[in-house]
N, C-alpha and C. Protein backbone atom coordinates (compact mmCIF):
# COMPACT_ATOMS: atom_id res chain seq x y z
N MET A 1 99.14 125.30 121.56
CA MET A 1 98.35 125.43 120.36
C MET A 1 97.10 126.24 120.72
N ASP A 2 96.82 127.24 119.95
CA ASP A 2 95.68 128.12 120.19
C ASP A 2 94.50 127.64 119.34
N ILE A 3 93.53 127.03 119.99
CA ILE A 3 92.37 126.46 119.29
C ILE A 3 91.54 127.56 118.63
N LYS A 4 91.41 128.72 119.30
CA LYS A 4 90.61 129.81 118.71
C LYS A 4 91.22 130.28 117.40
N LEU A 5 92.55 130.39 117.36
CA LEU A 5 93.23 130.81 116.14
C LEU A 5 93.04 129.77 115.04
N LEU A 6 93.13 128.49 115.39
CA LEU A 6 92.91 127.44 114.40
C LEU A 6 91.51 127.51 113.83
N ARG A 7 90.52 127.69 114.70
CA ARG A 7 89.13 127.79 114.23
C ARG A 7 88.95 128.99 113.30
N GLN A 8 89.55 130.11 113.67
CA GLN A 8 89.42 131.32 112.85
C GLN A 8 90.04 131.09 111.48
N LEU A 9 91.22 130.48 111.43
CA LEU A 9 91.87 130.21 110.15
C LEU A 9 91.04 129.26 109.30
N LEU A 10 90.46 128.26 109.93
CA LEU A 10 89.66 127.30 109.18
C LEU A 10 88.36 127.92 108.69
N ARG A 11 87.78 128.83 109.46
CA ARG A 11 86.56 129.53 109.01
C ARG A 11 86.86 130.41 107.80
N GLU A 12 88.09 130.90 107.71
CA GLU A 12 88.49 131.75 106.58
C GLU A 12 88.97 130.92 105.40
N ASN A 13 88.67 129.61 105.42
CA ASN A 13 89.04 128.69 104.35
C ASN A 13 90.54 128.55 104.15
N ALA A 14 91.30 128.69 105.19
CA ALA A 14 92.73 128.46 105.11
C ALA A 14 93.02 127.03 105.52
N SER A 15 94.02 126.44 104.95
CA SER A 15 94.46 125.11 105.38
C SER A 15 95.47 125.30 106.50
N VAL A 16 95.42 124.43 107.46
CA VAL A 16 96.31 124.50 108.61
C VAL A 16 97.11 123.21 108.67
N VAL A 17 98.41 123.35 108.87
CA VAL A 17 99.28 122.19 109.00
C VAL A 17 99.68 122.08 110.47
N LEU A 18 99.34 120.96 111.07
CA LEU A 18 99.70 120.72 112.46
C LEU A 18 100.94 119.83 112.48
N VAL A 19 101.97 120.31 113.16
CA VAL A 19 103.23 119.57 113.23
C VAL A 19 103.55 119.30 114.70
N GLU A 20 103.73 118.04 115.02
CA GLU A 20 104.10 117.64 116.37
C GLU A 20 105.31 116.74 116.27
N GLU A 21 106.25 116.94 117.16
CA GLU A 21 107.50 116.19 117.12
C GLU A 21 107.21 114.69 117.23
N GLY A 22 107.81 113.93 116.35
CA GLY A 22 107.64 112.49 116.37
C GLY A 22 106.44 111.99 115.58
N HIS A 23 105.66 112.90 115.01
CA HIS A 23 104.48 112.52 114.24
C HIS A 23 104.54 113.19 112.88
N PRO A 24 103.95 112.56 111.86
CA PRO A 24 103.92 113.21 110.54
C PRO A 24 103.00 114.43 110.57
N PRO A 25 103.27 115.41 109.72
CA PRO A 25 102.41 116.60 109.70
C PRO A 25 100.99 116.24 109.29
N LEU A 26 100.04 116.98 109.85
CA LEU A 26 98.63 116.75 109.59
C LEU A 26 98.04 118.01 108.98
N VAL A 27 97.47 117.88 107.79
CA VAL A 27 96.87 119.02 107.09
C VAL A 27 95.38 119.01 107.38
N VAL A 28 94.90 120.13 107.94
CA VAL A 28 93.48 120.27 108.26
C VAL A 28 92.91 121.33 107.33
N ARG A 29 91.85 120.94 106.60
CA ARG A 29 91.24 121.88 105.66
C ARG A 29 89.85 122.30 106.12
N GLU A 30 89.20 121.47 106.92
CA GLU A 30 87.85 121.78 107.38
C GLU A 30 87.74 121.46 108.86
N LEU A 31 86.91 122.22 109.54
CA LEU A 31 86.63 121.96 110.94
C LEU A 31 85.19 121.49 111.05
N VAL A 32 84.87 120.46 110.27
CA VAL A 32 83.52 119.92 110.24
C VAL A 32 83.63 118.42 110.41
N ALA A 33 82.82 117.89 111.28
CA ALA A 33 82.81 116.45 111.46
C ALA A 33 82.21 115.81 110.22
N SER A 34 82.79 114.72 109.76
CA SER A 34 82.30 114.07 108.55
C SER A 34 80.98 113.34 108.80
N GLU A 35 80.73 112.92 110.01
CA GLU A 35 79.49 112.23 110.35
C GLU A 35 78.86 112.91 111.54
N GLU A 36 77.54 112.86 111.57
CA GLU A 36 76.84 113.40 112.73
C GLU A 36 77.06 112.46 113.91
N PRO A 37 77.36 113.01 115.07
CA PRO A 37 77.52 112.13 116.23
C PRO A 37 76.20 111.46 116.58
N GLN A 38 76.29 110.22 116.98
CA GLN A 38 75.08 109.47 117.33
C GLN A 38 75.01 109.32 118.83
N GLU A 39 73.81 109.42 119.34
CA GLU A 39 73.61 109.19 120.76
C GLU A 39 73.58 107.69 121.02
N VAL A 40 74.32 107.30 122.03
CA VAL A 40 74.37 105.89 122.39
C VAL A 40 73.75 105.76 123.77
N PRO A 41 72.76 104.90 123.92
CA PRO A 41 72.15 104.74 125.23
C PRO A 41 73.17 104.24 126.25
N ILE A 42 73.01 104.68 127.47
CA ILE A 42 73.97 104.34 128.51
C ILE A 42 74.09 102.83 128.67
N SER A 43 72.98 102.13 128.55
CA SER A 43 73.02 100.68 128.72
C SER A 43 73.90 100.01 127.67
N ALA A 44 74.08 100.64 126.52
CA ALA A 44 74.92 100.07 125.48
C ALA A 44 76.39 100.36 125.73
N LYS A 45 76.70 101.40 126.53
CA LYS A 45 78.10 101.75 126.78
C LYS A 45 78.75 100.78 127.74
N TRP A 46 78.05 100.42 128.80
CA TRP A 46 78.62 99.56 129.82
C TRP A 46 77.86 98.24 129.84
N PRO A 47 78.59 97.13 129.77
CA PRO A 47 77.87 95.86 129.84
C PRO A 47 77.26 95.67 131.22
N LYS A 48 76.16 95.01 131.23
CA LYS A 48 75.49 94.76 132.51
C LYS A 48 76.34 93.82 133.34
N ALA A 49 76.38 94.10 134.64
CA ALA A 49 77.17 93.28 135.54
C ALA A 49 76.57 91.88 135.61
N LYS A 50 77.44 90.92 135.51
CA LYS A 50 76.98 89.54 135.58
C LYS A 50 77.16 89.06 137.01
N GLN A 51 76.13 88.43 137.52
CA GLN A 51 76.19 87.86 138.85
C GLN A 51 76.99 86.56 138.78
N PRO A 52 77.89 86.35 139.75
CA PRO A 52 78.64 85.08 139.71
C PRO A 52 77.69 83.91 139.90
N PRO A 53 77.99 82.82 139.27
CA PRO A 53 77.11 81.65 139.42
C PRO A 53 77.03 81.25 140.88
N VAL A 54 75.84 80.85 141.30
CA VAL A 54 75.60 80.49 142.70
C VAL A 54 76.48 79.33 143.11
N ALA A 55 76.67 78.35 142.24
CA ALA A 55 77.48 77.18 142.58
C ALA A 55 78.91 77.60 142.88
N THR A 56 79.46 78.51 142.11
CA THR A 56 80.83 78.97 142.32
C THR A 56 80.92 79.72 143.64
N GLN A 57 79.96 80.59 143.90
CA GLN A 57 79.95 81.35 145.14
C GLN A 57 79.83 80.42 146.34
N ASP A 58 78.97 79.42 146.25
CA ASP A 58 78.80 78.46 147.34
C ASP A 58 80.08 77.68 147.58
N SER A 59 80.76 77.28 146.50
CA SER A 59 81.99 76.50 146.67
C SER A 59 83.09 77.35 147.30
N VAL A 60 83.16 78.62 146.95
CA VAL A 60 84.15 79.52 147.55
C VAL A 60 83.86 79.70 149.04
N LEU A 61 82.60 79.92 149.39
CA LEU A 61 82.23 80.07 150.79
C LEU A 61 82.52 78.81 151.59
N GLU A 62 82.24 77.67 151.00
CA GLU A 62 82.51 76.40 151.67
C GLU A 62 84.01 76.23 151.92
N ARG A 63 84.81 76.55 150.92
CA ARG A 63 86.26 76.44 151.07
C ARG A 63 86.77 77.38 152.15
N LEU A 64 86.28 78.60 152.16
CA LEU A 64 86.70 79.57 153.18
C LEU A 64 86.30 79.11 154.58
N ASN A 65 85.10 78.58 154.71
CA ASN A 65 84.65 78.07 156.01
C ASN A 65 85.54 76.92 156.49
N LYS A 66 85.94 76.03 155.58
CA LYS A 66 86.82 74.93 155.96
C LYS A 66 88.18 75.47 156.42
N GLU A 67 88.70 76.48 155.70
CA GLU A 67 89.98 77.06 156.08
C GLU A 67 89.90 77.73 157.45
N ILE A 68 88.81 78.42 157.70
CA ILE A 68 88.62 79.10 159.00
C ILE A 68 88.55 78.07 160.12
N LEU A 69 87.80 77.00 159.91
CA LEU A 69 87.70 75.96 160.93
C LEU A 69 89.06 75.29 161.19
N ALA A 70 89.82 75.06 160.12
CA ALA A 70 91.15 74.45 160.28
C ALA A 70 92.06 75.39 161.06
N LEU A 71 92.00 76.69 160.79
CA LEU A 71 92.82 77.66 161.52
C LEU A 71 92.41 77.73 162.98
N ARG A 72 91.12 77.67 163.26
CA ARG A 72 90.65 77.68 164.65
C ARG A 72 91.17 76.47 165.41
N GLU A 73 91.11 75.30 164.76
CA GLU A 73 91.60 74.08 165.40
C GLU A 73 93.11 74.17 165.65
N GLN A 74 93.83 74.74 164.68
CA GLN A 74 95.28 74.90 164.82
C GLN A 74 95.61 75.84 165.98
N ILE A 75 94.90 76.95 166.07
CA ILE A 75 95.12 77.92 167.16
C ILE A 75 94.80 77.28 168.50
N ALA A 76 93.69 76.55 168.56
CA ALA A 76 93.31 75.88 169.81
C ALA A 76 94.36 74.86 170.22
N ALA A 77 94.89 74.10 169.25
CA ALA A 77 95.92 73.10 169.54
C ALA A 77 97.20 73.78 170.02
N GLU A 78 97.58 74.90 169.38
CA GLU A 78 98.78 75.62 169.80
C GLU A 78 98.61 76.22 171.19
N GLU A 79 97.43 76.74 171.48
CA GLU A 79 97.18 77.32 172.81
C GLU A 79 97.20 76.24 173.89
N SER A 80 96.61 75.07 173.59
CA SER A 80 96.61 74.00 174.59
C SER A 80 98.02 73.44 174.78
N GLY A 81 98.79 73.39 173.70
CA GLY A 81 100.18 72.93 173.81
C GLY A 81 101.03 73.91 174.59
N ALA A 82 100.79 75.20 174.43
CA ALA A 82 101.55 76.23 175.14
C ALA A 82 101.18 76.23 176.63
N SER A 83 99.90 75.97 176.95
CA SER A 83 99.48 75.95 178.36
C SER A 83 100.01 74.72 179.07
N GLU A 84 100.17 73.57 178.34
CA GLU A 84 100.73 72.37 178.95
C GLU A 84 102.20 72.56 179.26
N LYS A 85 102.94 73.29 178.42
CA LYS A 85 104.35 73.55 178.65
C LYS A 85 104.56 74.45 179.85
N ASP A 86 103.62 75.38 180.08
CA ASP A 86 103.73 76.31 181.20
C ASP A 86 103.53 75.58 182.52
N ASN A 87 102.76 74.48 182.55
CA ASN A 87 102.48 73.76 183.80
C ASN A 87 103.59 72.87 184.14
């Protein structure tokens, strides 16, 4: 589709029919936006990042620390069991 040709036809007050497979035809009579675009402040486009609640973060860290300690104990037990078998 040649946008320059479409603009030229619309400037000459011609109606343009856009046909795309699978879609109904679209008749364009004007190349003018119906409303003026409004500037939107950047802060309104993206919501401000929310900090996770401290209690939730603390509980996750506590759980991870418990898992790490349990894994360390398991590894130590497996290593001591493997060294006893070697003797």
